Amino acid sequence: MVVTESIIGAAGQLIEAPVCETAIVYVPEELEGWEFRPGLRLESGFAHASRAVETAIEDRELGYRYDDDNQVRHVGVFALYDWCWGGDPQWLYAVSDENRLYSHDHGWYLPEVGPGWTEQALTDRVDQPRELDCSATQLDIRETSRLARRLRDVTRTELCDTLCRIPGQWPVSDIELECVGWFLE
């Protein structure tokens, strides 16, 4: 799941979709064993990290379309969901920032939805749309055009650079990453 989270977060940043800011961080041995939640402890090594959204509430409904610049941000959600074969839609709303929308928790993206994606599933689903099941009315038309152009213009080099950031210690092969790159391209 960490691989999928990292890929989709980076893909979202690549097209300027409204995803939380993500990075791959290194947890040093000195922090290993620290209990960050009851029963959950840090392990040393590379980890996927996401910057916290202040005053965030989580919702599974794509709402607040008329707050902040969400008519623009919702377009990015639709684009990312279709492009990366979204699953388990989850949104954060920054209450103190007029309910500004962020897409997050992308571990269940890529076909067949979730951490069990395979090369075969990517190959089988590459030409199938993956539409988000919610209203697409009142979206910003300029952002729709911008994102359509941006998706057409994503280069192989950008995708390779994105996928090459995945640490070699993570449970994914170069062949699998190459297939994800082909799928996104």
Protein backbone atom coordinates (compact mmCIF):
# COMPACT_ATOMS: atom_id res chain seq x y z
CA MET A 1 0.00 0.00 0.00
CA VAL A 2 2.88 2.40 0.73
CA VAL A 3 4.02 2.09 -2.89
CA THR A 4 0.57 2.94 -4.25
CA GLU A 5 0.16 5.85 -1.81
CA SER A 6 3.48 7.29 -2.87
CA ILE A 7 2.91 6.87 -6.61
CA ILE A 8 -0.57 8.40 -6.60
CA GLY A 9 0.42 11.29 -4.34
CA ALA A 10 3.33 12.10 -6.67
CA ALA A 11 1.14 11.70 -9.77
CA GLY A 12 -1.34 14.15 -8.27
CA GLN A 13 1.42 16.65 -7.61
CA LEU A 14 2.66 16.16 -11.17
CA ILE A 15 -0.64 17.39 -12.64
CA GLU A 16 -1.31 19.88 -9.82
CA ALA A 17 -4.34 17.99 -8.53
CA PRO A 18 -5.47 18.92 -5.00
CA VAL A 19 -3.54 16.21 -3.17
CA CYS A 20 -1.84 16.56 0.18
CA GLU A 21 1.84 17.39 -0.11
CA THR A 22 3.75 14.10 0.08
CA ALA A 23 7.36 13.03 0.32
CA ILE A 24 9.48 9.98 0.92
CA VAL A 25 11.29 10.41 4.22
CA TYR A 26 13.91 8.42 6.05
CA VAL A 27 13.14 7.34 9.62
CA PRO A 28 16.47 6.98 11.47
CA GLU A 29 17.22 4.04 13.76
CA GLU A 30 17.07 6.37 16.79
CA LEU A 31 13.29 6.71 16.25
CA GLU A 32 12.61 3.02 15.69
CA GLY A 33 10.09 1.67 18.16
CA TRP A 34 8.49 5.03 18.95
CA GLU A 35 4.76 4.42 19.49
CA PHE A 36 2.98 7.07 17.45
CA ARG A 37 -0.46 5.52 18.08
CA PRO A 38 -1.45 2.81 20.52
CA GLY A 39 -0.01 -0.43 19.18
CA LEU A 40 1.71 1.21 16.17
CA ARG A 41 5.45 1.78 16.22
CA LEU A 42 7.88 3.37 13.81
CA GLU A 43 10.32 1.21 11.89
CA SER A 44 13.57 2.66 10.59
CA GLY A 45 13.95 3.04 6.85
CA PHE A 46 12.18 4.89 4.08
CA ALA A 47 8.55 5.87 4.63
CA HIS A 48 5.79 7.68 2.79
CA ALA A 49 4.86 10.94 4.51
CA SER A 50 2.08 13.45 4.04
CA ARG A 51 1.94 17.00 5.36
CA ALA A 52 -0.94 17.46 7.77
CA VAL A 53 -3.88 19.58 6.66
CA GLU A 54 -4.68 21.89 9.56
CA THR A 55 -8.23 21.79 10.98
CA ALA A 56 -9.09 18.96 8.60
CA ILE A 57 -12.24 16.93 8.66
CA GLU A 58 -12.50 13.77 6.56
CA ASP A 59 -15.52 12.94 4.45
CA ARG A 60 -16.36 10.40 1.76
CA GLU A 61 -18.77 12.78 0.06
CA LEU A 62 -17.35 15.22 -2.47
CA GLY A 63 -18.89 18.37 -1.09
CA TYR A 64 -18.41 22.06 -0.44
CA ARG A 65 -18.15 22.71 -4.19
CA TYR A 66 -18.90 26.42 -3.79
CA ASP A 67 -16.47 27.02 -0.91
CA ASP A 68 -12.92 28.32 -1.40
CA ASP A 69 -11.73 27.37 -4.91
CA ASN A 70 -13.29 23.92 -4.77
CA GLN A 71 -14.95 24.27 -8.18
CA VAL A 72 -11.37 24.18 -9.49
CA ARG A 73 -10.08 21.62 -6.99
CA HIS A 74 -12.91 19.16 -7.70
CA VAL A 75 -11.79 18.99 -11.34
CA GLY A 76 -8.43 17.67 -10.13
CA VAL A 77 -10.16 15.03 -8.04
CA PHE A 78 -12.13 13.78 -11.06
CA ALA A 79 -8.98 13.76 -13.22
CA LEU A 80 -6.82 11.93 -10.67
CA TYR A 81 -9.53 9.37 -9.95
CA ASP A 82 -9.97 8.48 -13.62
CA TRP A 83 -6.28 8.64 -14.56
CA CYS A 84 -5.07 6.51 -11.65
CA TRP A 85 -8.08 4.19 -11.38
CA GLY A 86 -9.31 5.51 -8.07
CA GLY A 87 -10.90 3.52 -5.32
CA ASP A 88 -12.04 4.26 -1.77
CA PRO A 89 -12.55 8.01 -2.31
CA GLN A 90 -11.64 10.06 0.75
CA TRP A 91 -11.47 13.81 1.02
CA LEU A 92 -10.10 16.21 3.59
CA TYR A 93 -11.65 19.62 4.09
CA ALA A 94 -9.63 22.37 5.76
CA VAL A 95 -12.36 23.95 7.90
CA SER A 96 -10.29 27.03 8.74
CA ASP A 97 -9.58 27.58 5.02
CA GLU A 98 -13.20 27.75 3.78
CA ASN A 99 -13.42 23.93 3.49
CA ARG A 100 -10.59 23.76 0.96
CA LEU A 101 -10.58 20.24 -0.54
CA TYR A 102 -7.67 17.79 -0.52
CA SER A 103 -7.61 14.28 -1.94
CA HIS A 104 -5.73 11.84 0.29
CA ASP A 105 -5.30 8.21 1.32
CA HIS A 106 -4.64 6.82 -2.16
CA GLY A 107 -3.67 3.29 -1.12
CA TRP A 108 -6.66 1.80 -2.94
CA TYR A 109 -5.93 3.28 -6.36
CA LEU A 110 -4.68 1.40 -9.47
CA PRO A 111 -6.55 -1.64 -10.81
CA GLU A 112 -7.96 -3.86 -9.41
CA VAL A 113 -8.21 -1.18 -6.75
CA GLY A 114 -5.87 -1.49 -3.86
CA PRO A 115 -2.52 -2.77 -2.80
CA GLY A 116 -3.10 -5.96 -4.79
CA TRP A 117 -2.75 -4.31 -8.20
CA THR A 118 -0.95 -6.42 -10.77
CA GLU A 119 0.69 -5.97 -14.13
CA GLN A 120 -2.15 -7.97 -15.68
CA ALA A 121 -4.81 -5.76 -14.09
CA LEU A 122 -3.01 -2.62 -15.29
CA THR A 123 -2.86 -4.07 -18.81
CA ASP A 124 -6.51 -5.18 -18.76
CA ARG A 125 -7.86 -1.83 -17.48
CA VAL A 126 -5.67 0.69 -19.29
CA ASP A 127 -8.39 1.74 -21.75
CA GLN A 128 -11.31 1.62 -19.32
CA PRO A 129 -12.60 4.83 -17.79
CA ARG A 130 -12.85 5.00 -14.02
CA GLU A 131 -15.42 7.67 -13.34
CA LEU A 132 -16.01 9.07 -9.89
CA ASP A 133 -19.63 8.40 -8.96
CA CYS A 134 -20.78 11.89 -8.01
CA SER A 135 -22.09 15.03 -9.64
CA ALA A 136 -19.79 16.78 -12.09
CA THR A 137 -21.93 19.90 -12.45
CA GLN A 138 -20.64 23.42 -11.86
CA LEU A 139 -16.98 22.50 -12.26
CA ASP A 140 -14.54 25.16 -13.43
CA ILE A 141 -14.33 24.87 -17.24
CA ARG A 142 -10.89 26.50 -17.48
CA GLU A 143 -9.48 23.98 -15.00
CA THR A 144 -11.12 21.16 -16.95
CA SER A 145 -9.30 22.34 -20.10
CA ARG A 146 -6.01 22.87 -18.24
CA LEU A 147 -6.07 19.40 -16.71
CA ALA A 148 -7.03 17.74 -19.99
CA ARG A 149 -4.02 19.41 -21.64
CA ARG A 150 -1.76 18.57 -18.70
CA LEU A 151 -2.74 14.90 -18.78
CA ARG A 152 -2.03 14.75 -22.52
CA ASP A 153 1.32 16.48 -21.96
CA VAL A 154 2.68 14.35 -19.12
CA THR A 155 5.96 13.03 -20.44
CA ARG A 156 7.61 9.67 -20.09
CA THR A 157 10.55 11.45 -18.45
CA GLU A 158 8.27 12.99 -15.80
CA LEU A 159 6.72 9.59 -15.09
CA CYS A 160 10.13 7.89 -14.93
CA ASP A 161 11.44 10.57 -12.56
CA THR A 162 8.37 10.10 -10.36
CA LEU A 163 8.63 6.30 -10.28
CA CYS A 164 12.41 6.29 -9.78
CA ARG A 165 11.86 7.98 -6.41
CA ILE A 166 10.34 4.78 -5.02
CA PRO A 167 12.94 3.28 -2.67
CA GLY A 168 14.51 0.02 -3.82
CA GLN A 169 13.78 -1.51 -0.40
CA TRP A 170 10.02 -1.24 -0.91
CA PRO A 171 8.04 -4.30 -2.04
CA VAL A 172 7.77 -3.50 -5.76
CA SER A 173 9.92 -4.58 -8.69
CA ASP A 174 11.30 -2.39 -11.45
CA ILE A 175 9.11 -4.32 -13.92
CA GLU A 176 6.00 -3.51 -11.85
CA LEU A 177 6.96 0.16 -11.69
CA GLU A 178 7.57 0.16 -15.43
CA CYS A 179 4.07 -1.25 -15.94
CA VAL A 180 2.57 1.48 -13.73
CA GLY A 181 4.45 4.06 -15.80
CA TRP A 182 3.07 2.53 -19.00
CA PHE A 183 -0.45 2.54 -17.51
CA LEU A 184 -0.21 6.22 -16.55
CA GLU A 185 1.34 7.15 -19.88
